[in-house]
Amino acid sequence: MAPLTTTQRTVLAGARVVLPSGVVEGGRITVEGATIAADDTAGPLGAGPAGAADGRTDGAGRTDGAGQVTYDLTGRGYTIVPGFVDIHNHGGGGASFTSGSAEDILTGVRTHREHGTTTVVASTVTESMEFLVRRAGLLAELVEQGDLAGIHFEGPFISPCRKGAHDEGLLRHPDPADVRKLVEAARGTARMVTLAAELPGGIESVRLLAELGVIAAIGHTDASYEQTREAIDAGATVATHLFNAMPPLQHREPGPIAALLEDERITVELINDGTHLHPSVLELAFGSAGADRVAFITDAMDAAGFGDGMYELGPMKVEVREGVARLLEGGSIAGSTLTLDTAFKRAVTLDGLSLPDAVAALSVNPARLLGLQDRIGTLEPGKDADLVLLDRAWDLAGVMRKGEWVVEPA
């Protein structure tokens, strides 16, 4: 990986650029410090040729006498998209967000940054309340430092019928007092809590979360269609990894899936790794919800960006084989080893999504959901210079975060 470099002004020219207004061929992005800036000397953002860059060579870019570095990408088949935003991620690079040290967590964050995820929400798994309260304090420090975008508590307020890779012995009902305790322990950094709203205290906890400005997500649930509708009316706005860890869609008992897909207030998480969802199911979700209501997530665990082997997910033992994570006991799928660059490539190749729809699912929608759309999620003047370069095969070729190269294009 190239060392992080900061330049006063960086121009990326001659690439396809995905902007809110559409896809621009032969466009460019100009970066001033940590933010995206319109180029006053050569036309609007994303269009027009960049000025010539004369002088010494600086890596793949050329630096002029004023300190501007220009990367001429003309004819190389590059596409520039906004940095990816992952709202549901348990770790990576061999490190866990639930049980690792602060250094371990940063290792996981760096791993996902190297795969294009410039904004990460750290997700926990079910543990004791005492453990999660302590964990919230550590994760909150990293949010306050700017390394994480927030905390997502997945468990312990979930259904034992749909527990997935969570320890059943540590599950509990979503008592509003316990929910408040976790949120307060996060010191304003809690972004989302996944719960099974049909459990005692579930609806009250959804209302509480809405009042506190924290996303209430319906997941790991055995709720009926009617119970899910009640939770949405109470303030739930996210479906945690839709289809997974919930009753299947049935014609006389539609369950939570139908309720979550049909309601415009709900953003649906999808794990686009080829293991969690059949391609036809992903197509069904997009067709029903629409591209503006889908957020691709990784649900990644420690092995993401690391490799096969034995791992721990909270207190649970996990074996990763050929990139698929399963509990050692029982064989349940235990998160994923997905990174969002792979999810993007699948989206525009195997899934046949348009570039704008793929960008919506990986950047625009999750940024809006987090309330960060004024800083991230699209390539616009004044926003953070978070961007991803993809080559003509849709493989990652470069990553910039806040104007600094995480992966510099060759």
Protein backbone atom coordinates (compact mmCIF):
# COMPACT_ATOMS: atom_id res chain seq x y z
CA MET A 1 0.00 0.00 0.00
CA ALA A 2 1.30 3.44 -0.90
CA PRO A 3 1.97 5.73 2.07
CA LEU A 4 -0.69 8.28 2.88
CA THR A 5 0.03 11.56 1.14
CA THR A 6 -1.75 14.87 1.46
CA THR A 7 -1.59 17.47 -1.31
CA GLN A 8 -2.81 21.01 -1.44
CA ARG A 9 -4.63 20.32 -4.69
CA THR A 10 -5.22 17.04 -6.51
CA VAL A 11 -6.89 16.64 -9.88
CA LEU A 12 -8.16 13.29 -11.19
CA ALA A 13 -8.84 13.77 -14.89
CA GLY A 14 -10.10 11.75 -17.84
CA ALA A 15 -12.20 9.16 -15.96
CA ARG A 16 -15.86 8.26 -15.94
CA VAL A 17 -17.31 10.08 -12.91
CA VAL A 18 -20.60 9.16 -11.20
CA LEU A 19 -22.23 12.39 -10.02
CA PRO A 20 -25.69 13.05 -8.53
CA SER A 21 -26.66 14.52 -11.90
CA GLY A 22 -25.57 11.43 -13.82
CA VAL A 23 -22.53 9.68 -15.28
CA VAL A 24 -19.94 11.96 -16.93
CA GLU A 25 -17.50 10.43 -19.40
CA GLY A 26 -14.00 11.93 -19.47
CA GLY A 27 -14.73 13.94 -16.38
CA ARG A 28 -12.63 14.96 -13.46
CA ILE A 29 -12.61 15.55 -9.72
CA THR A 30 -10.63 18.36 -8.09
CA VAL A 31 -9.66 18.00 -4.42
CA GLU A 32 -8.60 20.88 -2.20
CA GLY A 33 -7.17 19.60 1.08
CA ALA A 34 -9.75 17.22 2.54
CA THR A 35 -12.72 18.27 0.43
CA ILE A 36 -14.00 18.25 -3.13
CA ALA A 37 -13.80 21.62 -4.86
CA ALA A 38 -15.13 22.92 -8.17
CA ASP A 39 -12.31 23.83 -10.55
CA ASP A 40 -12.82 27.51 -11.43
CA THR A 41 -10.19 27.40 -14.20
CA ALA A 42 -11.43 24.48 -16.27
CA GLY A 43 -15.18 24.21 -16.11
CA PRO A 44 -17.62 22.62 -13.67
CA LEU A 45 -16.92 19.68 -11.41
CA GLY A 46 -16.83 16.38 -13.26
CA ALA A 47 -16.56 17.84 -16.77
CA GLY A 48 -13.90 19.24 -19.07
CA PRO A 49 -10.19 18.56 -19.43
CA ALA A 50 -7.79 19.22 -16.60
CA GLY A 51 -4.97 21.67 -17.13
CA ALA A 52 -1.64 20.28 -18.22
CA ALA A 53 0.67 19.24 -15.42
CA ASP A 54 4.32 19.90 -16.05
CA GLY A 55 7.23 19.15 -13.79
CA ARG A 56 8.48 16.28 -11.71
CA THR A 57 6.72 12.93 -11.46
CA ASP A 58 5.10 12.10 -8.12
CA GLY A 59 3.96 8.46 -8.18
CA ALA A 60 1.16 8.10 -10.72
CA GLY A 61 0.51 11.85 -10.66
CA ARG A 62 2.49 14.81 -11.97
CA THR A 63 3.20 17.81 -9.76
CA ASP A 64 3.39 21.30 -11.18
CA GLY A 65 5.32 24.18 -9.69
CA ALA A 66 2.36 25.28 -7.56
CA GLY A 67 2.04 21.95 -5.82
CA GLN A 68 -0.93 20.63 -7.83
CA VAL A 69 -0.83 16.90 -8.52
CA THR A 70 -2.70 15.76 -11.61
CA TYR A 71 -3.53 12.13 -12.33
CA ASP A 72 -4.25 11.78 -16.04
CA LEU A 73 -6.53 8.76 -16.26
CA THR A 74 -7.48 9.25 -19.90
CA GLY A 75 -7.96 6.03 -21.83
CA ARG A 76 -7.37 3.80 -18.81
CA GLY A 77 -10.99 2.79 -18.27
CA TYR A 78 -11.26 4.15 -14.73
CA THR A 79 -14.55 4.99 -13.02
CA ILE A 80 -14.70 7.28 -9.98
CA VAL A 81 -17.48 6.73 -7.45
CA PRO A 82 -18.11 8.04 -3.93
CA GLY A 83 -16.45 6.22 -1.05
CA PHE A 84 -18.52 3.30 0.22
CA VAL A 85 -20.51 3.57 3.46
CA ASP A 86 -21.02 0.41 5.54
CA ILE A 87 -23.67 0.65 8.26
CA HIS A 88 -23.33 -2.99 9.42
CA ASN A 89 -19.83 -4.35 9.93
CA HIS A 90 -18.38 -6.53 12.71
CA GLY A 91 -14.68 -6.43 11.77
CA GLY A 92 -12.04 -7.45 9.28
CA GLY A 93 -8.34 -7.97 8.75
CA GLY A 94 -8.39 -10.63 11.47
CA ALA A 95 -9.78 -8.14 14.02
CA SER A 96 -13.16 -7.92 15.77
CA PHE A 97 -15.10 -4.77 16.57
CA THR A 98 -16.87 -6.64 19.38
CA SER A 99 -13.94 -8.10 21.28
CA GLY A 100 -10.71 -6.60 19.93
CA SER A 101 -8.57 -3.86 21.42
CA ALA A 102 -8.61 -0.31 20.08
CA GLU A 103 -5.62 -1.23 17.92
CA ASP A 104 -7.47 -4.30 16.64
CA ILE A 105 -10.49 -2.20 15.74
CA LEU A 106 -8.31 0.22 13.79
CA THR A 107 -6.82 -2.75 11.93
CA GLY A 108 -10.32 -3.75 10.87
CA VAL A 109 -11.16 -0.20 9.85
CA ARG A 110 -7.97 0.07 7.76
CA THR A 111 -8.73 -3.24 6.07
CA HIS A 112 -12.12 -2.06 4.92
CA ARG A 113 -10.75 1.34 3.87
CA GLU A 114 -8.31 -0.47 1.61
CA HIS A 115 -11.36 -2.03 -0.03
CA GLY A 116 -13.11 1.29 -0.59
CA THR A 117 -15.20 1.65 2.56
CA THR A 118 -14.34 5.16 3.70
CA THR A 119 -17.10 5.28 6.35
CA VAL A 120 -17.66 2.39 8.78
CA VAL A 121 -20.21 1.85 11.53
CA ALA A 122 -18.96 -0.72 14.06
CA SER A 123 -21.47 -3.46 14.84
CA THR A 124 -21.41 -5.54 18.01
CA VAL A 125 -22.85 -9.01 18.58
CA THR A 126 -24.75 -10.34 21.57
CA GLU A 127 -22.82 -10.26 24.83
CA SER A 128 -23.77 -9.52 28.43
CA MET A 129 -25.12 -6.05 29.13
CA GLU A 130 -22.10 -5.29 31.29
CA PHE A 131 -19.73 -6.22 28.46
CA LEU A 132 -21.67 -4.19 25.88
CA VAL A 133 -21.74 -1.12 28.13
CA ARG A 134 -17.95 -1.28 28.45
CA ARG A 135 -17.61 -1.91 24.74
CA ALA A 136 -19.76 1.09 23.94
CA GLY A 137 -17.32 3.30 25.84
CA LEU A 138 -14.32 2.05 23.85
CA LEU A 139 -16.06 2.29 20.49
CA ALA A 140 -17.36 5.76 21.36
CA GLU A 141 -13.77 6.98 21.77
CA LEU A 142 -12.96 5.84 18.24
CA VAL A 143 -16.07 7.54 16.91
CA GLU A 144 -15.08 10.75 18.67
CA GLN A 145 -11.62 10.47 17.08
CA GLY A 146 -13.18 10.18 13.63
CA ASP A 147 -12.14 6.58 12.96
CA LEU A 148 -15.69 5.21 13.10
CA ALA A 149 -19.02 6.73 12.08
CA GLY A 150 -20.99 5.26 14.97
CA ILE A 151 -22.05 2.12 16.81
CA HIS A 152 -24.66 -0.45 15.82
CA PHE A 153 -25.87 -2.79 18.57
CA GLU A 154 -26.99 -6.05 16.95
CA GLY A 155 -28.29 -7.98 19.93
CA PRO A 156 -28.95 -8.88 22.67
CA PHE A 157 -32.58 -7.80 22.04
CA ILE A 158 -33.34 -10.43 19.38
CA SER A 159 -35.47 -13.52 19.01
CA PRO A 160 -34.07 -16.90 20.08
CA CYS A 161 -36.07 -18.35 17.16
CA ARG A 162 -33.98 -16.35 14.69
CA LYS A 163 -30.74 -15.89 16.63
CA GLY A 164 -28.35 -16.80 13.83
CA ALA A 165 -24.77 -16.51 15.10
CA HIS A 166 -25.71 -15.10 18.51
CA ASP A 167 -25.40 -16.84 21.87
CA GLU A 168 -28.94 -17.78 22.94
CA GLY A 169 -27.94 -17.82 26.59
CA LEU A 170 -27.18 -14.09 26.47
CA LEU A 171 -30.33 -12.95 24.66
CA ARG A 172 -32.85 -10.80 26.51
CA HIS A 173 -36.08 -8.97 25.89
CA PRO A 174 -35.76 -5.36 24.68
CA ASP A 175 -36.57 -3.69 27.98
CA PRO A 176 -36.56 0.08 27.27
CA ALA A 177 -34.42 0.65 30.37
CA ASP A 178 -31.72 -1.67 29.00
CA VAL A 179 -31.95 -0.12 25.54
CA ARG A 180 -31.52 3.34 27.06
CA LYS A 181 -28.57 2.09 29.11
CA LEU A 182 -26.70 0.97 25.98
CA VAL A 183 -27.49 4.15 24.08
CA GLU A 184 -26.33 6.33 26.97
CA ALA A 185 -23.14 4.28 27.33
CA ALA A 186 -22.35 5.19 23.71
CA ARG A 187 -22.27 8.92 24.59
CA GLY A 188 -24.16 10.11 21.55
CA THR A 189 -22.41 7.76 19.09
CA ALA A 190 -25.10 5.04 18.90
CA ARG A 191 -26.44 5.02 15.35
CA MET A 192 -28.59 1.90 15.28
CA VAL A 193 -30.05 -0.87 17.44
CA THR A 194 -31.35 -4.10 15.91
CA LEU A 195 -34.18 -5.72 17.83
CA ALA A 196 -37.09 -8.13 17.51
CA ALA A 197 -40.05 -5.83 18.04
CA GLU A 198 -42.47 -8.69 18.77
CA LEU A 199 -40.70 -9.44 22.06
CA PRO A 200 -41.94 -7.89 25.32
CA GLY A 201 -40.87 -4.25 25.40
CA GLY A 202 -40.10 -4.24 21.67
CA ILE A 203 -42.58 -1.61 20.50
CA GLU A 204 -41.82 0.62 23.48
CA SER A 205 -38.10 0.33 22.71
CA VAL A 206 -38.67 1.26 19.06
CA ARG A 207 -40.50 4.40 20.20
CA LEU A 208 -37.71 5.19 22.65
CA LEU A 209 -35.02 4.85 19.99
CA ALA A 210 -36.96 7.11 17.63
CA GLU A 211 -37.23 9.71 20.40
CA LEU A 212 -33.48 9.46 21.05
CA GLY A 213 -32.63 9.88 17.38
CA VAL A 214 -31.22 6.36 17.06
CA ILE A 215 -32.22 4.07 14.18
CA ALA A 216 -34.50 1.24 15.24
CA ALA A 217 -33.80 -1.72 12.96
CA ILE A 218 -36.02 -4.78 12.69
CA GLY A 219 -33.97 -7.97 12.49
CA HIS A 220 -33.34 -11.42 13.95
CA THR A 221 -37.09 -11.42 14.34
CA ASP A 222 -39.97 -13.89 14.29
CA ALA A 223 -42.57 -11.13 13.93
CA SER A 224 -45.77 -11.43 11.96
CA TYR A 225 -46.74 -9.02 9.20
CA GLU A 226 -49.01 -7.15 11.62
CA GLN A 227 -46.37 -6.93 14.36
CA THR A 228 -43.83 -5.59 11.87
CA ARG A 229 -46.30 -2.97 10.67
CA GLU A 230 -46.81 -1.89 14.27
CA ALA A 231 -43.04 -1.53 14.73
CA ILE A 232 -42.75 0.59 11.59
CA ASP A 233 -45.56 2.84 12.76
CA ALA A 234 -43.72 3.16 16.09
CA GLY A 235 -40.63 4.47 14.32
CA ALA A 236 -38.53 1.60 12.91
CA THR A 237 -36.74 2.63 9.71
CA VAL A 238 -34.32 -0.20 8.80
CA ALA A 239 -34.59 -3.89 7.97
CA THR A 240 -31.45 -5.64 9.24
CA HIS A 241 -30.09 -7.92 6.47
CA LEU A 242 -33.50 -8.43 4.89
CA PHE A 243 -34.49 -12.10 4.28
CA ASN A 244 -31.79 -13.39 6.65
CA ALA A 245 -32.73 -14.28 10.25
CA MET A 246 -36.47 -13.79 9.77
CA PRO A 247 -39.44 -15.91 8.61
CA PRO A 248 -39.59 -16.52 4.86
CA LEU A 249 -42.17 -14.83 2.68
CA GLN A 250 -45.33 -16.96 2.47
CA HIS A 251 -48.51 -16.32 0.51
CA ARG A 252 -50.90 -16.52 3.48
CA GLU A 253 -48.47 -15.44 6.18
CA PRO A 254 -46.35 -12.72 4.56
CA GLY A 255 -44.43 -12.05 7.77
CA PRO A 256 -41.90 -9.25 8.18
CA ILE A 257 -40.43 -9.39 4.67
CA ALA A 258 -43.56 -8.13 2.93
CA ALA A 259 -44.14 -5.42 5.54
CA LEU A 260 -40.54 -4.19 5.31
CA LEU A 261 -40.40 -4.24 1.52
CA GLU A 262 -43.67 -2.42 0.94
CA ASP A 263 -43.21 0.49 3.34
CA GLU A 264 -41.45 3.58 1.97
CA ARG A 265 -40.19 4.46 5.45
CA ILE A 266 -37.91 1.42 5.53
CA THR A 267 -34.37 1.12 4.16
CA VAL A 268 -33.53 -2.55 3.56
CA GLU A 269 -30.04 -3.91 4.18
CA LEU A 270 -28.85 -6.54 1.70
CA ILE A 271 -25.70 -8.69 1.87
CA ASN A 272 -24.59 -8.99 -1.75
CA ASP A 273 -21.98 -11.73 -1.39
CA GLY A 274 -23.61 -14.50 -3.40
CA THR A 275 -24.04 -16.62 -0.25
CA HIS A 276 -26.67 -14.83 1.81
CA LEU A 277 -29.03 -14.06 -1.09
CA HIS A 278 -29.85 -15.69 -4.41
CA PRO A 279 -29.51 -13.17 -7.27
CA SER A 280 -33.24 -13.43 -8.01
CA VAL A 281 -34.04 -12.49 -4.40
CA LEU A 282 -31.81 -9.43 -4.64
CA GLU A 283 -33.59 -8.49 -7.87
CA LEU A 284 -36.94 -8.92 -6.09
CA ALA A 285 -35.84 -6.57 -3.30
CA PHE A 286 -34.70 -3.88 -5.72
CA GLY A 287 -37.83 -4.22 -7.79
CA SER A 288 -40.09 -3.96 -4.75
CA ALA A 289 -38.29 -1.39 -2.62
CA GLY A 290 -36.64 0.66 -5.36
CA ALA A 291 -33.00 1.68 -5.61
CA ASP A 292 -33.41 4.58 -3.17
CA ARG A 293 -34.36 2.24 -0.31
CA VAL A 294 -31.55 -0.34 -0.51
CA ALA A 295 -28.28 -0.26 1.46
CA PHE A 296 -25.67 -2.88 0.69
CA ILE A 297 -23.82 -3.97 3.82
CA THR A 298 -21.03 -6.43 4.50
CA ASP A 299 -22.11 -7.86 7.88
CA ALA A 300 -18.39 -8.66 7.84
CA MET A 301 -16.63 -10.56 10.58
CA ASP A 302 -12.91 -10.85 11.38
CA ALA A 303 -12.02 -12.91 8.29
CA ALA A 304 -13.00 -10.18 5.81
CA GLY A 305 -9.89 -9.23 3.88
CA PHE A 306 -7.91 -11.83 5.84
CA GLY A 307 -8.63 -15.44 4.87
CA ASP A 308 -10.00 -18.82 5.87
CA GLY A 309 -9.46 -20.29 9.33
CA MET A 310 -10.88 -20.42 12.83
CA TYR A 311 -12.29 -17.25 14.40
CA GLU A 312 -14.46 -15.99 17.23
CA LEU A 313 -17.60 -13.90 16.79
CA GLY A 314 -18.25 -12.62 20.29
CA PRO A 315 -18.41 -15.81 22.39
CA MET A 316 -19.13 -18.04 19.36
CA LYS A 317 -16.56 -20.18 17.50
CA VAL A 318 -16.59 -19.70 13.73
CA GLU A 319 -14.93 -21.60 10.89
CA VAL A 320 -14.34 -19.81 7.60
CA ARG A 321 -13.95 -22.11 4.64
CA GLU A 322 -13.73 -20.93 1.02
CA GLY A 323 -14.78 -17.48 2.19
CA VAL A 324 -18.00 -18.59 3.93
CA ALA A 325 -18.24 -18.12 7.71
CA ARG A 326 -20.27 -20.66 9.71
CA LEU A 327 -20.64 -21.43 13.39
CA LEU A 328 -18.53 -24.40 14.39
CA GLU A 329 -21.49 -25.69 16.38
CA GLY A 330 -24.67 -25.91 14.33
CA GLY A 331 -23.34 -24.58 11.04
CA SER A 332 -25.34 -21.35 10.93
CA ILE A 333 -23.96 -18.63 8.66
CA ALA A 334 -21.97 -16.27 10.90
CA GLY A 335 -21.76 -12.94 9.12
CA SER A 336 -19.70 -12.66 5.95
CA THR A 337 -16.18 -12.15 4.66
CA LEU A 338 -17.44 -9.57 2.17
CA THR A 339 -15.83 -6.24 1.38
CA LEU A 340 -17.84 -3.55 -0.38
CA ASP A 341 -15.62 -3.37 -3.46
CA THR A 342 -16.69 -6.95 -4.15
CA ALA A 343 -20.33 -6.06 -3.51
CA PHE A 344 -20.04 -3.18 -6.00
CA LYS A 345 -18.45 -5.38 -8.66
CA ARG A 346 -21.20 -7.99 -8.25
CA ALA A 347 -23.82 -5.25 -8.48
CA VAL A 348 -22.71 -3.89 -11.85
CA THR A 349 -21.74 -7.24 -13.40
CA LEU A 350 -23.65 -10.26 -12.09
CA ASP A 351 -26.65 -8.29 -10.79
CA GLY A 352 -26.84 -5.96 -13.76
CA LEU A 353 -27.45 -2.79 -11.71
CA SER A 354 -26.83 0.57 -13.32
CA LEU A 355 -23.94 2.64 -12.01
CA PRO A 356 -26.25 5.19 -10.31
CA ASP A 357 -28.24 2.40 -8.62
CA ALA A 358 -25.07 0.69 -7.37
CA VAL A 359 -23.74 4.00 -6.03
CA ALA A 360 -27.07 4.62 -4.32
CA ALA A 361 -26.91 1.26 -2.53
CA LEU A 362 -23.27 1.55 -1.45
CA SER A 363 -22.91 5.27 -0.76
CA VAL A 364 -25.90 7.59 -1.18
CA ASN A 365 -28.55 5.70 0.80
CA PRO A 366 -26.44 4.63 3.80
CA ALA A 367 -24.98 8.15 4.09
CA ARG A 368 -28.48 9.62 4.15
CA LEU A 369 -29.62 7.02 6.66
CA LEU A 370 -26.80 8.04 9.01
CA GLY A 371 -27.68 11.71 8.58
CA LEU A 372 -24.26 12.37 7.03
CA GLN A 373 -25.41 13.26 3.51
CA ASP A 374 -24.08 16.80 3.86
CA ARG A 375 -20.51 15.41 4.15
CA ILE A 376 -20.36 12.06 2.35
CA GLY A 377 -22.20 9.76 -0.07
CA THR A 378 -21.91 11.81 -3.29
CA LEU A 379 -19.18 13.59 -5.22
CA GLU A 380 -20.11 17.24 -4.78
CA PRO A 381 -18.23 20.46 -4.01
CA GLY A 382 -17.69 21.02 -0.29
CA LYS A 383 -18.11 17.37 0.66
CA ASP A 384 -15.36 15.15 2.03
CA ALA A 385 -12.97 13.92 -0.67
CA ASP A 386 -13.96 10.27 -0.15
CA LEU A 387 -13.78 8.42 -3.44
CA VAL A 388 -13.03 5.08 -5.04
CA LEU A 389 -11.36 4.40 -8.39
CA LEU A 390 -12.38 1.25 -10.22
CA ASP A 391 -10.68 -0.14 -13.31
CA ARG A 392 -12.40 -1.38 -16.46
CA ALA A 393 -12.88 -4.82 -14.86
CA TRP A 394 -14.53 -3.10 -11.84
CA ASP A 395 -11.66 -4.03 -9.55
CA LEU A 396 -10.46 -1.48 -7.01
CA ALA A 397 -7.64 0.72 -8.31
CA GLY A 398 -7.53 3.55 -5.77
CA VAL A 399 -9.10 4.87 -2.56
CA MET A 400 -9.03 8.39 -1.20
CA ARG A 401 -10.42 9.39 2.20
CA LYS A 402 -10.67 13.04 3.20
CA GLY A 403 -8.16 13.96 0.53
CA GLU A 404 -5.55 11.37 1.57
CA TRP A 405 -4.68 8.33 -0.50
CA VAL A 406 -5.37 5.04 1.26
CA VAL A 407 -4.63 3.19 -1.99
CA GLU A 408 -2.92 5.35 -4.60
CA PRO A 409 -3.61 4.54 -8.27
CA ALA A 410 -0.63 3.07 -10.11
